[in-house]
PDB file of all heavy atoms in Angstrom:
ATOM      1  N   ASP A   1       0.806  -1.223   0.000  1.00  0.00           N
ATOM      2  CA  ASP A   1       0.000   0.000   0.000  1.00  0.00           C
ATOM      3  C   ASP A   1       0.841   1.276   0.000  1.00  0.00           C
ATOM      4  O   ASP A   1       0.309   2.370  -0.194  1.00  0.00           O
ATOM      5  CB  ASP A   1      -0.912   0.029   1.236  1.00  0.00           C
ATOM      6  CG  ASP A   1      -1.964  -1.071   1.187  1.00  0.00           C
ATOM      7  OD1 ASP A   1      -2.276  -1.512   0.064  1.00  0.00           O
ATOM      8  OD2 ASP A   1      -2.458  -1.485   2.252  1.00  0.00           O
ATOM      9  N   SER A   2       2.129   1.160   0.252  1.00  0.00           N
ATOM     10  CA  SER A   2       2.987   2.343   0.303  1.00  0.00           C
ATOM     11  C   SER A   2       3.244   2.885  -1.100  1.00  0.00           C
ATOM     12  O   SER A   2       3.260   2.138  -2.083  1.00  0.00           O
ATOM     13  CB  SER A   2       4.319   2.007   0.967  1.00  0.00           C
ATOM     14  OG  SER A   2       4.121   1.589   2.295  1.00  0.00           O
ATOM     15  N   GLN A   3       3.450   4.196  -1.171  1.00  0.00           N
ATOM     16  CA  GLN A   3       3.773   4.839  -2.441  1.00  0.00           C
ATOM     17  C   GLN A   3       5.054   5.650  -2.260  1.00  0.00           C
ATOM     18  O   GLN A   3       5.233   6.319  -1.249  1.00  0.00           O
ATOM     19  CB  GLN A   3       2.627   5.757  -2.895  1.00  0.00           C
ATOM     20  CG  GLN A   3       1.335   4.994  -3.192  1.00  0.00           C
ATOM     21  CD  GLN A   3       0.269   5.885  -3.787  1.00  0.00           C
ATOM     22  OE1 GLN A   3       0.560   6.985  -4.229  1.00  0.00           O
ATOM     23  NE2 GLN A   3      -0.957   5.395  -3.821  1.00  0.00           N
ATOM     24  N   ARG A   4       5.915   5.581  -3.260  1.00  0.00           N
ATOM     25  CA  ARG A   4       7.213   6.221  -3.155  1.00  0.00           C
ATOM     26  C   ARG A   4       7.515   7.020  -4.411  1.00  0.00           C
ATOM     27  O   ARG A   4       7.268   6.562  -5.529  1.00  0.00           O
ATOM     28  CB  ARG A   4       8.289   5.156  -2.934  1.00  0.00           C
ATOM     29  CG  ARG A   4       9.709   5.697  -2.843  1.00  0.00           C
ATOM     30  CD  ARG A   4      10.689   4.577  -2.543  1.00  0.00           C
ATOM     31  NE  ARG A   4      12.052   5.060  -2.426  1.00  0.00           N
ATOM     32  CZ  ARG A   4      13.078   4.296  -2.106  1.00  0.00           C
ATOM     33  NH1 ARG A   4      12.888   2.999  -1.862  1.00  0.00           N
ATOM     34  NH2 ARG A   4      14.291   4.801  -2.015  1.00  0.00           N
ATOM     35  N   THR A   5       8.023   8.218  -4.211  1.00  0.00           N
ATOM     36  CA  THR A   5       8.455   9.061  -5.324  1.00  0.00           C
ATOM     37  C   THR A   5       9.895   9.471  -5.057  1.00  0.00           C
ATOM     38  O   THR A   5      10.212   9.953  -3.968  1.00  0.00           O
ATOM     39  CB  THR A   5       7.572  10.326  -5.438  1.00  0.00           C
ATOM     40  OG1 THR A   5       6.202   9.943  -5.410  1.00  0.00           O
ATOM     41  CG2 THR A   5       7.866  11.072  -6.722  1.00  0.00           C
ATOM     42  N   SER A   6      10.763   9.269  -6.035  1.00  0.00           N
ATOM     43  CA  SER A   6      12.191   9.494  -5.818  1.00  0.00           C
ATOM     44  C   SER A   6      12.775  10.439  -6.852  1.00  0.00           C
ATOM     45  O   SER A   6      12.188  10.689  -7.911  1.00  0.00           O
ATOM     46  CB  SER A   6      12.950   8.162  -5.857  1.00  0.00           C
ATOM     47  OG  SER A   6      12.425   7.245  -4.936  1.00  0.00           O
ATOM     48  N   GLY A   7      13.979  10.948  -6.511  1.00  0.00           N
ATOM     49  CA  GLY A   7      14.770  11.730  -7.456  1.00  0.00           C
ATOM     50  C   GLY A   7      14.096  13.006  -7.911  1.00  0.00           C
ATOM     51  O   GLY A   7      13.469  13.720  -7.125  1.00  0.00           O
ATOM     52  N   LYS A   8      14.212  13.292  -9.196  1.00  0.00           N
ATOM     53  CA  LYS A   8      13.693  14.536  -9.747  1.00  0.00           C
ATOM     54  C   LYS A   8      12.178  14.630  -9.636  1.00  0.00           C
ATOM     55  O   LYS A   8      11.614  15.728  -9.530  1.00  0.00           O
ATOM     56  CB  LYS A   8      14.124  14.690 -11.202  1.00  0.00           C
ATOM     57  CG  LYS A   8      15.607  14.999 -11.372  1.00  0.00           C
ATOM     58  CD  LYS A   8      15.940  15.371 -12.799  1.00  0.00           C
ATOM     59  CE  LYS A   8      17.408  15.794 -12.928  1.00  0.00           C
ATOM     60  NZ  LYS A   8      17.751  16.197 -14.315  1.00  0.00           N
ATOM     61  N   ASP A   9      11.507  13.482  -9.671  1.00  0.00           N
ATOM     62  CA  ASP A   9      10.049  13.508  -9.538  1.00  0.00           C
ATOM     63  C   ASP A   9       9.650  14.033  -8.167  1.00  0.00           C
ATOM     64  O   ASP A   9       8.703  14.824  -8.036  1.00  0.00           O
ATOM     65  CB  ASP A   9       9.473  12.098  -9.740  1.00  0.00           C
ATOM     66  CG  ASP A   9       9.536  11.646 -11.194  1.00  0.00           C
ATOM     67  OD1 ASP A   9       9.655  12.530 -12.067  1.00  0.00           O
ATOM     68  OD2 ASP A   9       9.479  10.426 -11.440  1.00  0.00           O
ATOM     69  N   ALA A  10      10.372  13.589  -7.130  1.00  0.00           N
ATOM     70  CA  ALA A  10      10.071  14.059  -5.774  1.00  0.00           C
ATOM     71  C   ALA A  10      10.367  15.552  -5.646  1.00  0.00           C
ATOM     72  O   ALA A  10       9.569  16.311  -5.071  1.00  0.00           O
ATOM     73  CB  ALA A  10      10.891  13.274  -4.757  1.00  0.00           C
ATOM     74  N   GLN A  11      11.521  15.982  -6.176  1.00  0.00           N
ATOM     75  CA  GLN A  11      11.859  17.404  -6.122  1.00  0.00           C
ATOM     76  C   GLN A  11      10.834  18.245  -6.857  1.00  0.00           C
ATOM     77  O   GLN A  11      10.375  19.278  -6.375  1.00  0.00           O
ATOM     78  CB  GLN A  11      13.247  17.625  -6.713  1.00  0.00           C
ATOM     79  CG  GLN A  11      14.382  17.100  -5.846  1.00  0.00           C
ATOM     80  CD  GLN A  11      15.731  17.267  -6.516  1.00  0.00           C
ATOM     81  OE1 GLN A  11      15.824  17.276  -7.750  1.00  0.00           O
ATOM     82  NE2 GLN A  11      16.791  17.377  -5.727  1.00  0.00           N
ATOM     83  N   SER A  12      10.451  17.781  -8.042  1.00  0.00           N
ATOM     84  CA  SER A  12       9.485  18.529  -8.843  1.00  0.00           C
ATOM     85  C   SER A  12       8.137  18.625  -8.142  1.00  0.00           C
ATOM     86  O   SER A  12       7.509  19.690  -8.135  1.00  0.00           O
ATOM     87  CB  SER A  12       9.327  17.853 -10.211  1.00  0.00           C
ATOM     88  OG  SER A  12       8.346  18.510 -10.978  1.00  0.00           O
ATOM     89  N   MET A  13       7.697  17.513  -7.525  1.00  0.00           N
ATOM     90  CA  MET A  13       6.416  17.505  -6.838  1.00  0.00           C
ATOM     91  C   MET A  13       6.416  18.508  -5.680  1.00  0.00           C
ATOM     92  O   MET A  13       5.464  19.287  -5.503  1.00  0.00           O
ATOM     93  CB  MET A  13       6.128  16.098  -6.312  1.00  0.00           C
ATOM     94  CG  MET A  13       4.811  15.964  -5.575  1.00  0.00           C
ATOM     95  SD  MET A  13       4.569  14.295  -4.954  1.00  0.00           S
ATOM     96  CE  MET A  13       5.871  14.195  -3.729  1.00  0.00           C
ATOM     97  N   ASN A  14       7.486  18.528  -4.885  1.00  0.00           N
ATOM     98  CA  ASN A  14       7.570  19.440  -3.751  1.00  0.00           C
ATOM     99  C   ASN A  14       7.649  20.897  -4.195  1.00  0.00           C
ATOM    100  O   ASN A  14       7.048  21.786  -3.584  1.00  0.00           O
ATOM    101  CB  ASN A  14       8.784  19.095  -2.881  1.00  0.00           C
ATOM    102  CG  ASN A  14       8.598  17.781  -2.145  1.00  0.00           C
ATOM    103  OD1 ASN A  14       7.471  17.360  -1.890  1.00  0.00           O
ATOM    104  ND2 ASN A  14       9.706  17.127  -1.815  1.00  0.00           N
ATOM    105  N   ILE A  15       8.406  21.138  -5.261  1.00  0.00           N
ATOM    106  CA  ILE A  15       8.528  22.510  -5.778  1.00  0.00           C
ATOM    107  C   ILE A  15       7.181  23.008  -6.289  1.00  0.00           C
ATOM    108  O   ILE A  15       6.778  24.148  -6.024  1.00  0.00           O
ATOM    109  CB  ILE A  15       9.598  22.564  -6.893  1.00  0.00           C
ATOM    110  CG1 ILE A  15      10.994  22.410  -6.275  1.00  0.00           C
ATOM    111  CG2 ILE A  15       9.505  23.876  -7.668  1.00  0.00           C
ATOM    112  CD1 ILE A  15      12.111  22.264  -7.290  1.00  0.00           C
ATOM    113  N   GLN A  16       6.461  22.155  -7.019  1.00  0.00           N
ATOM    114  CA  GLN A  16       5.153  22.561  -7.532  1.00  0.00           C
ATOM    115  C   GLN A  16       4.186  22.874  -6.395  1.00  0.00           C
ATOM    116  O   GLN A  16       3.391  23.820  -6.481  1.00  0.00           O
ATOM    117  CB  GLN A  16       4.567  21.451  -8.431  1.00  0.00           C
ATOM    118  CG  GLN A  16       5.360  21.168  -9.695  1.00  0.00           C
ATOM    119  CD  GLN A  16       5.617  22.412 -10.527  1.00  0.00           C
ATOM    120  OE1 GLN A  16       4.753  23.268 -10.675  1.00  0.00           O
ATOM    121  NE2 GLN A  16       6.827  22.524 -11.065  1.00  0.00           N
ATOM    122  N   ALA A  17       4.260  22.070  -5.327  1.00  0.00           N
ATOM    123  CA  ALA A  17       3.386  22.312  -4.177  1.00  0.00           C
ATOM    124  C   ALA A  17       3.696  23.660  -3.530  1.00  0.00           C
ATOM    125  O   ALA A  17       2.784  24.446  -3.212  1.00  0.00           O
ATOM    126  CB  ALA A  17       3.545  21.187  -3.155  1.00  0.00           C
ATOM    127  N   GLY A  18       4.978  23.960  -3.325  1.00  0.00           N
ATOM    128  CA  GLY A  18       5.369  25.234  -2.733  1.00  0.00           C
ATOM    129  C   GLY A  18       4.978  26.409  -3.605  1.00  0.00           C
ATOM    130  O   GLY A  18       4.486  27.436  -3.105  1.00  0.00           O
ATOM    131  N   LYS A  19       5.176  26.286  -4.909  1.00  0.00           N
ATOM    132  CA  LYS A  19       4.797  27.360  -5.831  1.00  0.00           C
ATOM    133  C   LYS A  19       3.288  27.596  -5.823  1.00  0.00           C
ATOM    134  O   LYS A  19       2.818  28.733  -5.916  1.00  0.00           O
ATOM    135  CB  LYS A  19       5.275  27.017  -7.246  1.00  0.00           C
ATOM    136  CG  LYS A  19       6.780  27.164  -7.440  1.00  0.00           C
ATOM    137  CD  LYS A  19       7.274  26.452  -8.691  1.00  0.00           C
ATOM    138  CE  LYS A  19       6.577  26.909  -9.957  1.00  0.00           C
ATOM    139  NZ  LYS A  19       7.082  26.202 -11.149  1.00  0.00           N
ATOM    140  N   ALA A  20       2.512  26.506  -5.711  1.00  0.00           N
ATOM    141  CA  ALA A  20       1.056  26.634  -5.709  1.00  0.00           C
ATOM    142  C   ALA A  20       0.568  27.413  -4.495  1.00  0.00           C
ATOM    143  O   ALA A  20      -0.338  28.250  -4.591  1.00  0.00           O
ATOM    144  CB  ALA A  20       0.413  25.251  -5.744  1.00  0.00           C
ATOM    145  N   VAL A  21       1.180  27.152  -3.330  1.00  0.00           N
ATOM    146  CA  VAL A  21       0.798  27.879  -2.117  1.00  0.00           C
ATOM    147  C   VAL A  21       1.127  29.364  -2.273  1.00  0.00           C
ATOM    148  O   VAL A  21       0.311  30.234  -1.954  1.00  0.00           O
ATOM    149  CB  VAL A  21       1.520  27.296  -0.887  1.00  0.00           C
ATOM    150  CG1 VAL A  21       1.268  28.160   0.339  1.00  0.00           C
ATOM    151  CG2 VAL A  21       1.048  25.880  -0.617  1.00  0.00           C
ATOM    152  N   ALA A  22       2.326  29.661  -2.757  1.00  0.00           N
ATOM    153  CA  ALA A  22       2.736  31.059  -2.931  1.00  0.00           C
ATOM    154  C   ALA A  22       1.830  31.777  -3.926  1.00  0.00           C
ATOM    155  O   ALA A  22       1.434  32.935  -3.712  1.00  0.00           O
ATOM    156  CB  ALA A  22       4.188  31.123  -3.389  1.00  0.00           C
ATOM    157  N   GLU A  23       1.486  31.084  -5.011  1.00  0.00           N
ATOM    158  CA  GLU A  23       0.651  31.708  -6.039  1.00  0.00           C
ATOM    159  C   GLU A  23      -0.761  31.990  -5.523  1.00  0.00           C
ATOM    160  O   GLU A  23      -1.411  32.948  -5.955  1.00  0.00           O
ATOM    161  CB  GLU A  23       0.583  30.782  -7.272  1.00  0.00           C
ATOM    162  CG  GLU A  23       0.166  31.475  -8.546  1.00  0.00           C
ATOM    163  CD  GLU A  23       1.127  32.577  -8.978  1.00  0.00           C
ATOM    164  OE1 GLU A  23       2.340  32.450  -8.730  1.00  0.00           O
ATOM    165  OE2 GLU A  23       0.651  33.582  -9.552  1.00  0.00           O
ATOM    166  N   SER A  24      -1.216  31.171  -4.568  1.00  0.00           N
ATOM    167  CA  SER A  24      -2.583  31.340  -4.065  1.00  0.00           C
ATOM    168  C   SER A  24      -2.762  32.632  -3.258  1.00  0.00           C
ATOM    169  O   SER A  24      -3.872  33.142  -3.154  1.00  0.00           O
ATOM    170  CB  SER A  24      -2.965  30.133  -3.196  1.00  0.00           C
ATOM    171  OG  SER A  24      -2.208  30.102  -2.004  1.00  0.00           O
ATOM    172  N   VAL A  25      -1.683  33.153  -2.671  1.00  0.00           N
ATOM    173  CA  VAL A  25      -1.801  34.383  -1.883  1.00  0.00           C
ATOM    174  C   VAL A  25      -1.111  35.571  -2.540  1.00  0.00           C
ATOM    175  O   VAL A  25      -1.172  36.690  -2.013  1.00  0.00           O
ATOM    176  CB  VAL A  25      -1.214  34.177  -0.466  1.00  0.00           C
ATOM    177  CG1 VAL A  25      -1.988  33.117   0.289  1.00  0.00           C
ATOM    178  CG2 VAL A  25       0.265  33.820  -0.523  1.00  0.00           C
ATOM    179  N   ARG A  26      -0.483  35.359  -3.664  1.00  0.00           N
ATOM    180  CA  ARG A  26       0.332  36.419  -4.267  1.00  0.00           C
ATOM    181  C   ARG A  26      -0.496  37.651  -4.641  1.00  0.00           C
ATOM    182  O   ARG A  26      -0.028  38.783  -4.501  1.00  0.00           O
ATOM    183  CB  ARG A  26       1.033  35.863  -5.514  1.00  0.00           C
ATOM    184  CG  ARG A  26       2.023  36.829  -6.127  1.00  0.00           C
ATOM    185  CD  ARG A  26       2.734  36.216  -7.313  1.00  0.00           C
ATOM    186  NE  ARG A  26       3.473  37.213  -8.066  1.00  0.00           N
ATOM    187  CZ  ARG A  26       4.043  37.018  -9.228  1.00  0.00           C
ATOM    188  NH1 ARG A  26       3.978  35.825  -9.789  1.00  0.00           N
ATOM    189  NH2 ARG A  26       4.697  37.979  -9.837  1.00  0.00           N
ATOM    190  N   THR A  27      -1.726  37.458  -5.093  1.00  0.00           N
ATOM    191  CA  THR A  27      -2.530  38.606  -5.527  1.00  0.00           C
ATOM    192  C   THR A  27      -3.017  39.460  -4.362  1.00  0.00           C
ATOM    193  O   THR A  27      -3.625  40.507  -4.574  1.00  0.00           O
ATOM    194  CB  THR A  27      -3.749  38.135  -6.339  1.00  0.00           C
ATOM    195  OG1 THR A  27      -4.530  37.230  -5.549  1.00  0.00           O
ATOM    196  CG2 THR A  27      -3.325  37.450  -7.617  1.00  0.00           C
ATOM    197  N   THR A  28      -2.780  39.017  -3.126  1.00  0.00           N
ATOM    198  CA  THR A  28      -3.208  39.818  -1.970  1.00  0.00           C
ATOM    199  C   THR A  28      -2.143  40.808  -1.527  1.00  0.00           C
ATOM    200  O   THR A  28      -2.395  41.635  -0.645  1.00  0.00           O
ATOM    201  CB  THR A  28      -3.539  38.902  -0.771  1.00  0.00           C
ATOM    202  OG1 THR A  28      -2.336  38.278  -0.305  1.00  0.00           O
ATOM    203  CG2 THR A  28      -4.538  37.826  -1.161  1.00  0.00           C
ATOM    204  N   LEU A  29      -0.946  40.755  -2.124  1.00  0.00           N
ATOM    205  CA  LEU A  29       0.177  41.563  -1.649  1.00  0.00           C
ATOM    206  C   LEU A  29       0.038  43.025  -2.047  1.00  0.00           C
ATOM    207  O   LEU A  29      -0.347  43.342  -3.171  1.00  0.00           O
ATOM    208  CB  LEU A  29       1.492  41.004  -2.211  1.00  0.00           C
ATOM    209  CG  LEU A  29       2.787  41.665  -1.721  1.00  0.00           C
ATOM    210  CD1 LEU A  29       3.012  41.384  -0.248  1.00  0.00           C
ATOM    211  CD2 LEU A  29       3.979  41.172  -2.544  1.00  0.00           C
ATOM    212  N   GLY A  30       0.370  43.905  -1.105  1.00  0.00           N
ATOM    213  CA  GLY A  30       0.473  45.320  -1.428  1.00  0.00           C
ATOM    214  C   GLY A  30      -0.790  46.113  -1.155  1.00  0.00           C
ATOM    215  O   GLY A  30      -1.855  45.573  -0.841  1.00  0.00           O
ATOM    216  N   PRO A  31      -0.674  47.441  -1.317  1.00  0.00           N
ATOM    217  CA  PRO A  31      -1.823  48.324  -1.029  1.00  0.00           C
ATOM    218  C   PRO A  31      -3.006  48.108  -1.954  1.00  0.00           C
ATOM    219  O   PRO A  31      -4.127  48.484  -1.616  1.00  0.00           O
ATOM    220  CB  PRO A  31      -1.232  49.730  -1.195  1.00  0.00           C
ATOM    221  CG  PRO A  31      -0.011  49.553  -2.024  1.00  0.00           C
ATOM    222  CD  PRO A  31       0.523  48.204  -1.701  1.00  0.00           C
ATOM    223  N   LYS A  32      -2.770  47.526  -3.133  1.00  0.00           N
ATOM    224  CA  LYS A  32      -3.880  47.275  -4.051  1.00  0.00           C
ATOM    225  C   LYS A  32      -4.141  45.776  -4.222  1.00  0.00           C
ATOM    226  O   LYS A  32      -4.734  45.349  -5.221  1.00  0.00           O
ATOM    227  CB  LYS A  32      -3.597  47.923  -5.410  1.00  0.00           C
ATOM    228  CG  LYS A  32      -3.686  49.448  -5.378  1.00  0.00           C
ATOM    229  CD  LYS A  32      -3.863  50.019  -6.762  1.00  0.00           C
ATOM    230  CE  LYS A  32      -4.161  51.508  -6.701  1.00  0.00           C
ATOM    231  NZ  LYS A  32      -4.420  52.077  -8.045  1.00  0.00           N
ATOM    232  N   GLY A  33      -3.697  44.992  -3.236  1.00  0.00           N
ATOM    233  CA  GLY A  33      -3.941  43.554  -3.274  1.00  0.00           C
ATOM    234  C   GLY A  33      -5.425  43.244  -3.139  1.00  0.00           C
ATOM    235  O   GLY A  33      -6.186  43.990  -2.515  1.00  0.00           O
ATOM    236  N   MET A  34      -5.832  42.135  -3.716  1.00  0.00           N
ATOM    237  CA  MET A  34      -7.228  41.728  -3.694  1.00  0.00           C
ATOM    238  C   MET A  34      -7.512  40.852  -2.473  1.00  0.00           C
ATOM    239  O   MET A  34      -6.604  40.278  -1.878  1.00  0.00           O
ATOM    240  CB  MET A  34      -7.575  40.953  -4.968  1.00  0.00           C
ATOM    241  CG  MET A  34      -7.331  41.745  -6.250  1.00  0.00           C
ATOM    242  SD  MET A  34      -8.370  43.221  -6.368  1.00  0.00           S
ATOM    243  CE  MET A  34      -9.962  42.460  -6.721  1.00  0.00           C
ATOM    244  N   ASP A  35      -8.794  40.776  -2.115  1.00  0.00           N
ATOM    245  CA  ASP A  35      -9.214  39.927  -1.002  1.00  0.00           C
ATOM    246  C   ASP A  35      -9.611  38.547  -1.504  1.00  0.00           C
ATOM    247  O   ASP A  35      -9.871  38.347  -2.690  1.00  0.00           O
ATOM    248  CB  ASP A  35     -10.410  40.545  -0.271  1.00  0.00           C
ATOM    249  CG  ASP A  35     -10.033  41.824   0.464  1.00  0.00           C
ATOM    250  OD1 ASP A  35      -8.828  42.089   0.595  1.00  0.00           O
ATOM    251  OD2 ASP A  35     -10.945  42.545   0.905  1.00  0.00           O
ATOM    252  N   LYS A  36      -9.663  37.599  -0.582  1.00  0.00           N
ATOM    253  CA  LYS A  36     -10.139  36.248  -0.884  1.00  0.00           C
ATOM    254  C   LYS A  36     -11.332  35.942   0.017  1.00  0.00           C
ATOM    255  O   LYS A  36     -11.419  36.446   1.138  1.00  0.00           O
ATOM    256  CB  LYS A  36      -9.049  35.200  -0.623  1.00  0.00           C
ATOM    257  CG  LYS A  36      -7.707  35.478  -1.272  1.00  0.00           C
ATOM    258  CD  LYS A  36      -7.737  35.265  -2.750  1.00  0.00           C
ATOM    259  CE  LYS A  36      -6.325  35.408  -3.346  1.00  0.00           C
ATOM    260  NZ  LYS A  36      -6.333  35.376  -4.815  1.00  0.00           N
ATOM    261  N   MET A  37     -12.210  35.111  -0.479  1.00  0.00           N
ATOM    262  CA  MET A  37     -13.335  34.649   0.328  1.00  0.00           C
ATOM    263  C   MET A  37     -13.158  33.157   0.598  1.00  0.00           C
ATOM    264  O   MET A  37     -13.047  32.363  -0.335  1.00  0.00           O
ATOM    265  CB  MET A  37     -14.672  34.901  -0.376  1.00  0.00           C
ATOM    266  CG  MET A  37     -15.869  34.384   0.412  1.00  0.00           C
ATOM    267  SD  MET A  37     -17.438  34.585  -0.462  1.00  0.00           S
ATOM    268  CE  MET A  37     -17.665  36.357  -0.299  1.00  0.00           C
ATOM    269  N   LEU A  38     -13.152  32.792   1.866  1.00  0.00           N
ATOM    270  CA  LEU A  38     -13.044  31.401   2.271  1.00  0.00           C
ATOM    271  C   LEU A  38     -14.375  30.962   2.866  1.00  0.00           C
ATOM    272  O   LEU A  38     -14.908  31.623   3.759  1.00  0.00           O
ATOM    273  CB  LEU A  38     -11.940  31.219   3.315  1.00  0.00           C
ATOM    274  CG  LEU A  38     -10.495  31.455   2.844  1.00  0.00           C
ATOM    275  CD1 LEU A  38      -9.555  31.401   4.029  1.00  0.00           C
ATOM    276  CD2 LEU A  38     -10.088  30.425   1.819  1.00  0.00           C
ATOM    277  N   VAL A  39     -14.894  29.862   2.381  1.00  0.00           N
ATOM    278  CA  VAL A  39     -16.155  29.312   2.883  1.00  0.00           C
ATOM    279  C   VAL A  39     -15.885  27.895   3.366  1.00  0.00           C
ATOM    280  O   VAL A  39     -15.435  27.044   2.583  1.00  0.00           O
ATOM    281  CB  VAL A  39     -17.241  29.297   1.789  1.00  0.00           C
ATOM    282  CG1 VAL A  39     -18.573  28.839   2.371  1.00  0.00           C
ATOM    283  CG2 VAL A  39     -17.379  30.663   1.141  1.00  0.00           C
TER     284      VAL A  39
END
């Protein structure tokens, strides 16, 4: 049942995850940043 990701695939997966989090809040930055609605 275990799943394993190694090498460049693991690095790429982690980098994509980090970039996705940063991109999700990037438009809120600054005096003219937009708001988000969480439900």
